[in-house]
Amino acid sequence: QVQLAASGGGLVQPGGSVNLTCTASGSINTFYAMAWYRQAPGKQREWVAVHANGGITNYADSVKGRFTISRDNRENTMFLQMNNLKPEDTAVYYCNRATTWATPNPVFSWGQGTQVTVSS
């Protein structure tokens, strides 16, 4: 199983931006879809954004227009550009291989997440 690790989180003020990186231990070329997920304190983990081969992207309603997912198969990395952050975006963010772009269920066991805290 390819190991996936998220990084790039931190403390940011409301309205600020953060760019998260997902680094894979092996090739992601054969992964049809990959996604970002997050888990806020006391809440279930939820998907945030998904990227599928062919450039198909899909976003949760709560982040549409603010977050952008991208992927670089040559570098085995995926990114999440997060703009206009809100306190409710505070969570631990994870990346994973996903089943489909429409219903991005996670495929692998969870790897390292990265904390994003939005607070003034």
Protein backbone atom coordinates (compact mmCIF):
# COMPACT_ATOMS: atom_id res chain seq x y z
CA GLN A 1 0.00 0.00 0.00
CA VAL A 2 1.26 3.45 -0.87
CA GLN A 3 1.63 5.64 2.20
CA LEU A 4 0.12 9.12 2.01
CA ALA A 5 1.09 11.97 4.31
CA ALA A 6 -0.45 15.42 4.51
CA SER A 7 1.58 18.49 5.44
CA GLY A 8 1.48 22.27 5.31
CA GLY A 9 -1.09 23.06 7.95
CA GLY A 10 -0.79 25.65 10.66
CA LEU A 11 -2.46 28.55 12.39
CA VAL A 12 -4.06 31.08 10.06
CA GLN A 13 -6.34 34.04 10.56
CA PRO A 14 -9.86 34.10 9.15
CA GLY A 15 -9.73 35.13 5.53
CA GLY A 16 -6.22 33.78 5.15
CA SER A 17 -4.82 31.06 2.92
CA VAL A 18 -2.98 27.78 3.32
CA ASN A 19 -1.66 25.33 0.76
CA LEU A 20 -1.62 21.69 1.85
CA THR A 21 0.57 19.02 0.26
CA CYS A 22 -0.04 15.28 0.10
CA THR A 23 3.12 13.28 -0.47
CA ALA A 24 2.96 9.66 -1.59
CA SER A 25 5.59 7.02 -0.86
CA GLY A 26 5.08 5.50 -4.30
CA SER A 27 3.45 6.09 -7.63
CA ILE A 28 -0.04 7.51 -7.78
CA ASN A 29 -0.31 7.20 -11.56
CA THR A 30 -2.75 4.32 -11.36
CA PHE A 31 -5.01 6.00 -8.83
CA TYR A 32 -8.18 7.02 -10.62
CA ALA A 33 -9.13 9.46 -7.87
CA MET A 34 -7.55 11.09 -4.86
CA ALA A 35 -9.21 13.25 -2.27
CA TRP A 36 -8.78 15.48 0.71
CA TYR A 37 -10.75 14.83 3.88
CA ARG A 38 -10.97 16.58 7.22
CA GLN A 39 -12.04 15.83 10.75
CA ALA A 40 -13.02 18.59 13.11
CA PRO A 41 -13.06 18.05 16.87
CA GLY A 42 -16.08 16.02 17.88
CA LYS A 43 -17.19 15.44 14.30
CA GLN A 44 -16.96 12.65 11.78
CA ARG A 45 -14.38 12.76 9.06
CA GLU A 46 -15.78 14.23 5.85
CA TRP A 47 -14.54 14.57 2.32
CA VAL A 48 -13.60 18.03 1.15
CA ALA A 49 -12.33 17.81 -2.42
CA VAL A 50 -11.61 15.08 -4.95
CA HIS A 51 -9.52 14.98 -8.12
CA ALA A 52 -9.95 12.26 -10.73
CA ASN A 53 -7.99 11.45 -13.85
CA GLY A 54 -8.95 13.63 -16.74
CA GLY A 55 -8.99 16.67 -14.50
CA ILE A 56 -12.38 15.99 -12.96
CA THR A 57 -12.80 17.79 -9.64
CA ASN A 58 -15.56 17.88 -7.10
CA TYR A 59 -15.93 19.86 -3.90
CA ALA A 60 -18.05 19.74 -0.80
CA ASP A 61 -20.56 22.57 -0.80
CA SER A 62 -18.93 24.12 2.27
CA VAL A 63 -15.67 24.78 0.42
CA LYS A 64 -16.77 25.44 -3.17
CA GLY A 65 -15.25 28.57 -4.55
CA ARG A 66 -12.65 28.74 -1.78
CA PHE A 67 -10.61 25.53 -2.10
CA THR A 68 -8.80 24.21 -5.16
CA ILE A 69 -7.48 20.67 -5.51
CA SER A 70 -4.67 19.76 -7.88
CA ARG A 71 -2.44 16.78 -8.48
CA ASP A 72 1.00 16.11 -9.96
CA ASN A 73 1.35 12.45 -10.91
CA ARG A 74 4.99 12.92 -11.96
CA GLU A 75 5.92 14.10 -8.47
CA ASN A 76 3.45 11.80 -6.69
CA THR A 77 1.90 14.74 -4.90
CA MET A 78 -1.47 16.36 -4.48
CA PHE A 79 -2.31 19.83 -3.24
CA LEU A 80 -5.15 21.70 -1.64
CA GLN A 81 -5.10 25.46 -1.96
CA MET A 82 -7.37 26.86 0.73
CA ASN A 83 -8.42 30.49 0.46
CA ASN A 84 -10.74 32.72 2.46
CA LEU A 85 -10.50 30.37 5.41
CA LYS A 86 -13.19 30.35 8.06
CA PRO A 87 -13.08 29.18 11.68
CA GLU A 88 -15.29 26.25 10.70
CA ASP A 89 -12.49 25.01 8.42
CA THR A 90 -10.49 24.16 11.54
CA ALA A 91 -9.75 20.45 11.40
CA VAL A 92 -7.12 17.82 10.83
CA TYR A 93 -6.79 17.36 7.08
CA TYR A 94 -5.97 14.02 5.48
CA CYS A 95 -5.41 12.79 1.96
CA ASN A 96 -6.29 9.41 0.56
CA ARG A 97 -6.93 7.48 -2.57
CA ALA A 98 -10.64 7.68 -3.35
CA THR A 99 -13.13 5.39 -5.04
CA THR A 100 -14.90 7.80 -7.37
CA TRP A 101 -15.15 11.52 -7.91
CA ALA A 102 -18.89 11.48 -7.20
CA THR A 103 -18.73 9.55 -3.93
CA PRO A 104 -15.11 9.71 -2.82
CA ASN A 105 -14.93 6.98 -0.23
CA PRO A 106 -11.40 6.46 1.12
CA VAL A 107 -9.48 3.42 -0.07
CA PHE A 108 -6.42 3.16 2.16
CA SER A 109 -5.88 3.26 5.89
CA TRP A 110 -5.44 6.79 7.13
CA GLY A 111 -1.98 8.27 7.11
CA GLN A 112 -0.53 11.35 8.68
CA GLY A 113 -2.84 14.32 8.80
CA THR A 114 -2.06 18.00 9.19
CA GLN A 115 -3.77 20.40 11.57
CA VAL A 116 -5.30 23.57 10.20
CA THR A 117 -6.50 26.05 12.78
CA VAL A 118 -8.36 29.16 11.68
CA SER A 119 -8.48 31.68 14.47
CA SER A 120 -7.83 35.33 15.18
